[in-house]
Amino acid sequence: MKKYEVIVTPEAEAGIVAAFRYIHDRSPQSASKWLRALYSKIFTLESFPRRCSIAREQEYFEEELRQLIFKSHRIIFQIEEKASVVRVLYIVHARQRAVGEREEDCYGQAEQDSE
């Protein structure tokens, strides 16, 4: 079975820190459990990362982006096959706008739908 090296980028780390702080402000014990479980989930990407679906951000980027769902967050990553690397790019709340999506993309579609 092929193993991938999992690299968490600084952008993803920033998302993790922001989410951790938000949770910690409400429940310090829950935040610690959440953080441990998140990293456990991220490191499952060492095996079979293609099991995960294509991320909705795909339309804004040239490279293939995939996502792994963890509770209320999405772990967005890309696979570098030749190097056997999974690069975690972003950690975002599931309700957040897609990375790369502009605000007018969201509202423009809503306005068209209501016509």
N, C-alpha and C. Protein backbone atom coordinates (compact mmCIF):
# COMPACT_ATOMS: atom_id res chain seq x y z
N MET A 1 0.85 -1.18 0.00
CA MET A 1 0.00 0.00 0.00
C MET A 1 0.90 1.24 0.00
N LYS A 2 0.59 2.16 -0.90
CA LYS A 2 1.37 3.40 -1.02
C LYS A 2 1.06 4.32 0.16
N LYS A 3 2.10 4.90 0.73
CA LYS A 3 1.95 5.88 1.82
C LYS A 3 2.33 7.25 1.29
N TYR A 4 1.59 8.24 1.72
CA TYR A 4 1.85 9.62 1.34
C TYR A 4 2.37 10.39 2.55
N GLU A 5 3.27 11.32 2.30
CA GLU A 5 3.68 12.25 3.34
C GLU A 5 2.61 13.33 3.40
N VAL A 6 2.13 13.65 4.58
CA VAL A 6 1.11 14.69 4.75
C VAL A 6 1.79 15.96 5.26
N ILE A 7 1.63 17.04 4.50
CA ILE A 7 2.21 18.33 4.87
C ILE A 7 1.07 19.31 5.10
N VAL A 8 1.05 19.93 6.25
CA VAL A 8 0.04 20.94 6.58
C VAL A 8 0.68 22.31 6.33
N THR A 9 0.12 23.06 5.38
CA THR A 9 0.69 24.35 5.00
C THR A 9 0.43 25.41 6.07
N PRO A 10 1.18 26.51 6.03
CA PRO A 10 0.93 27.60 6.98
C PRO A 10 -0.51 28.15 6.88
N GLU A 11 -1.07 28.19 5.68
CA GLU A 11 -2.45 28.67 5.52
C GLU A 11 -3.43 27.74 6.24
N ALA A 12 -3.19 26.44 6.13
CA ALA A 12 -4.05 25.48 6.83
C ALA A 12 -3.86 25.61 8.34
N GLU A 13 -2.63 25.78 8.77
CA GLU A 13 -2.36 25.97 10.21
C GLU A 13 -3.10 27.20 10.73
N ALA A 14 -3.13 28.26 9.95
CA ALA A 14 -3.85 29.47 10.37
C ALA A 14 -5.34 29.18 10.53
N GLY A 15 -5.90 28.39 9.64
CA GLY A 15 -7.30 28.00 9.76
C GLY A 15 -7.55 27.15 10.99
N ILE A 16 -6.62 26.27 11.29
CA ILE A 16 -6.73 25.42 12.47
C ILE A 16 -6.68 26.28 13.74
N VAL A 17 -5.74 27.20 13.79
CA VAL A 17 -5.61 28.08 14.96
C VAL A 17 -6.88 28.91 15.16
N ALA A 18 -7.40 29.47 14.08
CA ALA A 18 -8.62 30.29 14.19
C ALA A 18 -9.80 29.45 14.70
N ALA A 19 -9.96 28.26 14.16
CA ALA A 19 -11.06 27.39 14.61
C ALA A 19 -10.86 26.97 16.06
N PHE A 20 -9.63 26.61 16.40
CA PHE A 20 -9.33 26.21 17.78
C PHE A 20 -9.66 27.33 18.76
N ARG A 21 -9.25 28.54 18.43
CA ARG A 21 -9.52 29.67 19.33
C ARG A 21 -11.02 29.91 19.49
N TYR A 22 -11.75 29.81 18.41
CA TYR A 22 -13.20 29.99 18.46
C TYR A 22 -13.82 28.95 19.39
N ILE A 23 -13.43 27.70 19.22
CA ILE A 23 -13.98 26.63 20.06
C ILE A 23 -13.51 26.78 21.50
N HIS A 24 -12.23 27.12 21.67
CA HIS A 24 -11.65 27.26 23.00
C HIS A 24 -12.35 28.34 23.82
N ASP A 25 -12.73 29.44 23.18
CA ASP A 25 -13.44 30.52 23.88
C ASP A 25 -14.76 30.04 24.46
N ARG A 26 -15.33 29.03 23.87
CA ARG A 26 -16.62 28.52 24.31
C ARG A 26 -16.49 27.31 25.22
N SER A 27 -15.46 26.48 24.95
CA SER A 27 -15.28 25.25 25.73
C SER A 27 -13.83 24.75 25.61
N PRO A 28 -12.97 25.13 26.53
CA PRO A 28 -11.56 24.73 26.45
C PRO A 28 -11.34 23.22 26.33
N GLN A 29 -12.11 22.43 27.08
CA GLN A 29 -11.94 20.97 26.99
C GLN A 29 -12.33 20.45 25.62
N SER A 30 -13.41 20.97 25.07
CA SER A 30 -13.84 20.55 23.74
C SER A 30 -12.81 20.92 22.68
N ALA A 31 -12.19 22.07 22.84
CA ALA A 31 -11.20 22.54 21.87
C ALA A 31 -10.01 21.58 21.80
N SER A 32 -9.53 21.14 22.94
CA SER A 32 -8.40 20.21 22.95
C SER A 32 -8.76 18.88 22.28
N LYS A 33 -9.93 18.36 22.59
CA LYS A 33 -10.39 17.12 21.96
C LYS A 33 -10.55 17.31 20.46
N TRP A 34 -11.14 18.44 20.08
CA TRP A 34 -11.34 18.75 18.66
C TRP A 34 -10.00 18.77 17.92
N LEU A 35 -9.02 19.42 18.50
CA LEU A 35 -7.70 19.55 17.86
C LEU A 35 -7.04 18.19 17.67
N ARG A 36 -7.07 17.37 18.69
CA ARG A 36 -6.47 16.02 18.57
C ARG A 36 -7.19 15.21 17.50
N ALA A 37 -8.49 15.27 17.50
CA ALA A 37 -9.26 14.51 16.52
C ALA A 37 -9.04 15.04 15.10
N LEU A 38 -8.91 16.35 14.96
CA LEU A 38 -8.66 16.94 13.64
C LEU A 38 -7.34 16.42 13.07
N TYR A 39 -6.28 16.46 13.87
CA TYR A 39 -4.99 15.98 13.37
C TYR A 39 -5.02 14.49 13.08
N SER A 40 -5.75 13.72 13.86
CA SER A 40 -5.91 12.29 13.56
C SER A 40 -6.57 12.11 12.20
N LYS A 41 -7.60 12.90 11.95
CA LYS A 41 -8.31 12.83 10.68
C LYS A 41 -7.39 13.23 9.52
N ILE A 42 -6.66 14.34 9.70
CA ILE A 42 -5.74 14.79 8.65
C ILE A 42 -4.75 13.69 8.29
N PHE A 43 -4.21 13.03 9.28
CA PHE A 43 -3.18 12.04 8.99
C PHE A 43 -3.72 10.72 8.46
N THR A 44 -5.05 10.58 8.36
CA THR A 44 -5.60 9.43 7.63
C THR A 44 -5.33 9.58 6.13
N LEU A 45 -4.96 10.81 5.72
CA LEU A 45 -4.67 11.05 4.30
C LEU A 45 -3.36 10.38 3.86
N GLU A 46 -2.62 9.81 4.79
CA GLU A 46 -1.41 9.06 4.42
C GLU A 46 -1.77 7.88 3.52
N SER A 47 -2.97 7.37 3.66
CA SER A 47 -3.43 6.23 2.88
C SER A 47 -4.69 6.58 2.10
N PHE A 48 -4.71 6.26 0.85
CA PHE A 48 -5.87 6.42 -0.03
C PHE A 48 -6.49 7.82 -0.02
N PRO A 49 -5.73 8.87 -0.25
CA PRO A 49 -6.33 10.21 -0.24
C PRO A 49 -7.35 10.43 -1.36
N ARG A 50 -7.28 9.62 -2.41
CA ARG A 50 -8.25 9.77 -3.52
C ARG A 50 -9.65 9.29 -3.14
N ARG A 51 -9.80 8.73 -1.96
CA ARG A 51 -11.13 8.32 -1.48
C ARG A 51 -12.02 9.54 -1.25
N CYS A 52 -11.40 10.69 -1.12
CA CYS A 52 -12.12 11.92 -0.77
C CYS A 52 -12.66 12.59 -2.04
N SER A 53 -13.74 13.31 -1.87
CA SER A 53 -14.40 13.95 -3.00
C SER A 53 -13.64 15.19 -3.48
N ILE A 54 -13.97 15.60 -4.69
CA ILE A 54 -13.42 16.83 -5.25
C ILE A 54 -14.01 18.00 -4.45
N ALA A 55 -13.15 18.95 -4.09
CA ALA A 55 -13.60 20.12 -3.32
C ALA A 55 -14.36 21.09 -4.22
N ARG A 56 -15.29 21.82 -3.65
CA ARG A 56 -16.05 22.79 -4.44
C ARG A 56 -15.17 23.94 -4.93
N GLU A 57 -13.99 24.11 -4.34
CA GLU A 57 -13.03 25.13 -4.78
C GLU A 57 -12.42 24.78 -6.13
N GLN A 58 -12.59 23.57 -6.58
CA GLN A 58 -11.96 23.09 -7.81
C GLN A 58 -12.15 24.06 -8.98
N GLU A 59 -13.31 24.66 -9.09
CA GLU A 59 -13.57 25.54 -10.23
C GLU A 59 -12.73 26.82 -10.21
N TYR A 60 -12.11 27.14 -9.08
CA TYR A 60 -11.31 28.36 -8.96
C TYR A 60 -9.81 28.10 -9.08
N PHE A 61 -9.40 26.84 -9.21
CA PHE A 61 -7.98 26.49 -9.25
C PHE A 61 -7.72 25.54 -10.41
N GLU A 62 -6.52 25.56 -10.92
CA GLU A 62 -6.16 24.66 -12.02
C GLU A 62 -5.86 23.25 -11.53
N GLU A 63 -5.19 23.13 -10.38
CA GLU A 63 -4.85 21.81 -9.88
C GLU A 63 -6.07 21.17 -9.20
N GLU A 64 -6.05 19.84 -9.16
CA GLU A 64 -7.15 19.11 -8.54
C GLU A 64 -7.12 19.32 -7.03
N LEU A 65 -8.24 19.72 -6.47
CA LEU A 65 -8.37 19.88 -5.03
C LEU A 65 -9.42 18.90 -4.52
N ARG A 66 -9.13 18.30 -3.41
CA ARG A 66 -10.05 17.35 -2.78
C ARG A 66 -10.37 17.84 -1.38
N GLN A 67 -11.39 17.24 -0.78
CA GLN A 67 -11.77 17.63 0.57
C GLN A 67 -12.07 16.42 1.41
N LEU A 68 -11.76 16.56 2.68
CA LEU A 68 -12.09 15.56 3.68
C LEU A 68 -12.91 16.29 4.73
N ILE A 69 -14.05 15.76 5.05
CA ILE A 69 -14.95 16.41 6.01
C ILE A 69 -14.58 15.96 7.42
N PHE A 70 -14.49 16.96 8.31
CA PHE A 70 -14.26 16.69 9.72
C PHE A 70 -15.23 17.55 10.52
N LYS A 71 -16.22 16.91 11.11
CA LYS A 71 -17.25 17.61 11.88
C LYS A 71 -17.82 18.76 11.05
N SER A 72 -17.67 20.00 11.50
CA SER A 72 -18.23 21.14 10.76
C SER A 72 -17.20 21.82 9.87
N HIS A 73 -16.07 21.17 9.64
CA HIS A 73 -14.99 21.76 8.84
C HIS A 73 -14.65 20.90 7.63
N ARG A 74 -14.07 21.55 6.65
CA ARG A 74 -13.57 20.84 5.47
C ARG A 74 -12.05 20.99 5.43
N ILE A 75 -11.38 19.89 5.20
CA ILE A 75 -9.93 19.84 5.04
C ILE A 75 -9.69 19.80 3.53
N ILE A 76 -9.14 20.88 2.99
CA ILE A 76 -8.95 20.97 1.55
C ILE A 76 -7.48 20.69 1.25
N PHE A 77 -7.25 19.78 0.29
CA PHE A 77 -5.89 19.34 0.03
C PHE A 77 -5.68 19.01 -1.44
N GLN A 78 -4.42 18.88 -1.81
CA GLN A 78 -4.07 18.42 -3.14
C GLN A 78 -3.10 17.26 -3.00
N ILE A 79 -3.10 16.40 -3.99
CA ILE A 79 -2.24 15.23 -4.00
C ILE A 79 -1.16 15.45 -5.05
N GLU A 80 0.08 15.26 -4.64
CA GLU A 80 1.22 15.32 -5.56
C GLU A 80 1.72 13.89 -5.72
N GLU A 81 1.19 13.21 -6.74
CA GLU A 81 1.44 11.78 -6.94
C GLU A 81 2.92 11.46 -7.05
N LYS A 82 3.64 12.18 -7.90
CA LYS A 82 5.05 11.85 -8.15
C LYS A 82 5.88 11.90 -6.88
N ALA A 83 5.59 12.86 -6.02
CA ALA A 83 6.35 13.02 -4.77
C ALA A 83 5.73 12.23 -3.61
N SER A 84 4.58 11.60 -3.84
CA SER A 84 3.84 10.89 -2.79
C SER A 84 3.57 11.81 -1.60
N VAL A 85 3.04 13.00 -1.92
CA VAL A 85 2.76 14.02 -0.91
C VAL A 85 1.30 14.43 -0.98
N VAL A 86 0.69 14.58 0.18
CA VAL A 86 -0.62 15.22 0.31
C VAL A 86 -0.36 16.54 1.00
N ARG A 87 -0.75 17.61 0.34
CA ARG A 87 -0.52 18.95 0.88
C ARG A 87 -1.86 19.52 1.34
N VAL A 88 -2.03 19.68 2.66
CA VAL A 88 -3.25 20.26 3.21
C VAL A 88 -3.14 21.77 3.04
N LEU A 89 -4.06 22.33 2.26
CA LEU A 89 -3.99 23.74 1.90
C LEU A 89 -4.81 24.64 2.81
N TYR A 90 -6.00 24.20 3.17
CA TYR A 90 -6.91 25.04 3.94
C TYR A 90 -7.75 24.17 4.87
N ILE A 91 -8.12 24.75 5.99
CA ILE A 91 -9.12 24.18 6.89
C ILE A 91 -10.19 25.26 7.00
N VAL A 92 -11.40 24.97 6.54
CA VAL A 92 -12.45 25.98 6.54
C VAL A 92 -13.74 25.40 7.12
N HIS A 93 -14.51 26.27 7.73
CA HIS A 93 -15.81 25.86 8.23
C HIS A 93 -16.68 25.55 7.01
N ALA A 94 -17.49 24.55 7.12
CA ALA A 94 -18.31 24.11 5.99
C ALA A 94 -19.25 25.20 5.46
N ARG A 95 -19.62 26.14 6.31
CA ARG A 95 -20.53 27.20 5.88
C ARG A 95 -19.82 28.38 5.22
N GLN A 96 -18.49 28.40 5.29
CA GLN A 96 -17.74 29.49 4.68
C GLN A 96 -17.83 29.41 3.16
N ARG A 97 -17.69 30.55 2.55
CA ARG A 97 -17.61 30.62 1.10
C ARG A 97 -16.42 29.78 0.66
N ALA A 98 -16.51 29.18 -0.51
CA ALA A 98 -15.41 28.38 -1.04
C ALA A 98 -14.17 29.24 -1.20
N VAL A 99 -13.01 28.67 -0.94
CA VAL A 99 -11.75 29.39 -1.12
C VAL A 99 -11.64 29.77 -2.59
N GLY A 100 -11.41 31.05 -2.86
CA GLY A 100 -11.32 31.53 -4.24
C GLY A 100 -12.62 32.10 -4.76
N GLU A 101 -13.72 31.79 -4.11
CA GLU A 101 -15.03 32.29 -4.53
C GLU A 101 -15.18 33.74 -4.09
N ARG A 102 -15.66 34.56 -4.99
CA ARG A 102 -15.86 35.97 -4.67
C ARG A 102 -17.26 36.18 -4.11
N GLU A 103 -17.41 37.21 -3.32
CA GLU A 103 -18.70 37.50 -2.71
C GLU A 103 -19.78 37.68 -3.77
N GLU A 104 -19.43 38.36 -4.86
CA GLU A 104 -20.44 38.59 -5.90
C GLU A 104 -20.84 37.29 -6.59
N ASP A 105 -19.98 36.27 -6.56
CA ASP A 105 -20.36 34.97 -7.11
C ASP A 105 -21.53 34.40 -6.33
N CYS A 106 -21.50 34.56 -5.01
CA CYS A 106 -22.56 34.04 -4.15
C CYS A 106 -23.85 34.82 -4.34
N TYR A 107 -23.74 36.14 -4.22
CA TYR A 107 -24.93 36.97 -4.27
C TYR A 107 -25.49 37.07 -5.68
N GLY A 108 -24.64 37.07 -6.66
CA GLY A 108 -25.11 37.13 -8.04
C GLY A 108 -25.96 35.93 -8.37
N GLN A 109 -25.57 34.76 -7.92
CA GLN A 109 -26.33 33.54 -8.17
C GLN A 109 -27.67 33.59 -7.44
N ALA A 110 -27.68 34.08 -6.22
CA ALA A 110 -28.92 34.17 -5.45
C ALA A 110 -29.90 35.12 -6.14
N GLU A 111 -29.38 36.23 -6.67
CA GLU A 111 -30.26 37.18 -7.36
C GLU A 111 -30.84 36.56 -8.63
N GLN A 112 -30.02 35.78 -9.36
CA GLN A 112 -30.50 35.14 -10.58
C GLN A 112 -31.55 34.10 -10.24
N ASP A 113 -31.36 33.37 -9.14
CA ASP A 113 -32.31 32.34 -8.74
C ASP A 113 -33.66 32.91 -8.37
N SER A 114 -33.69 34.14 -7.84
CA SER A 114 -34.95 34.72 -7.38
C SER A 114 -35.75 35.35 -8.53
N GLU A 115 -35.11 35.50 -9.68
CA GLU A 115 -35.84 36.11 -10.82
C GLU A 115 -36.75 35.14 -11.50
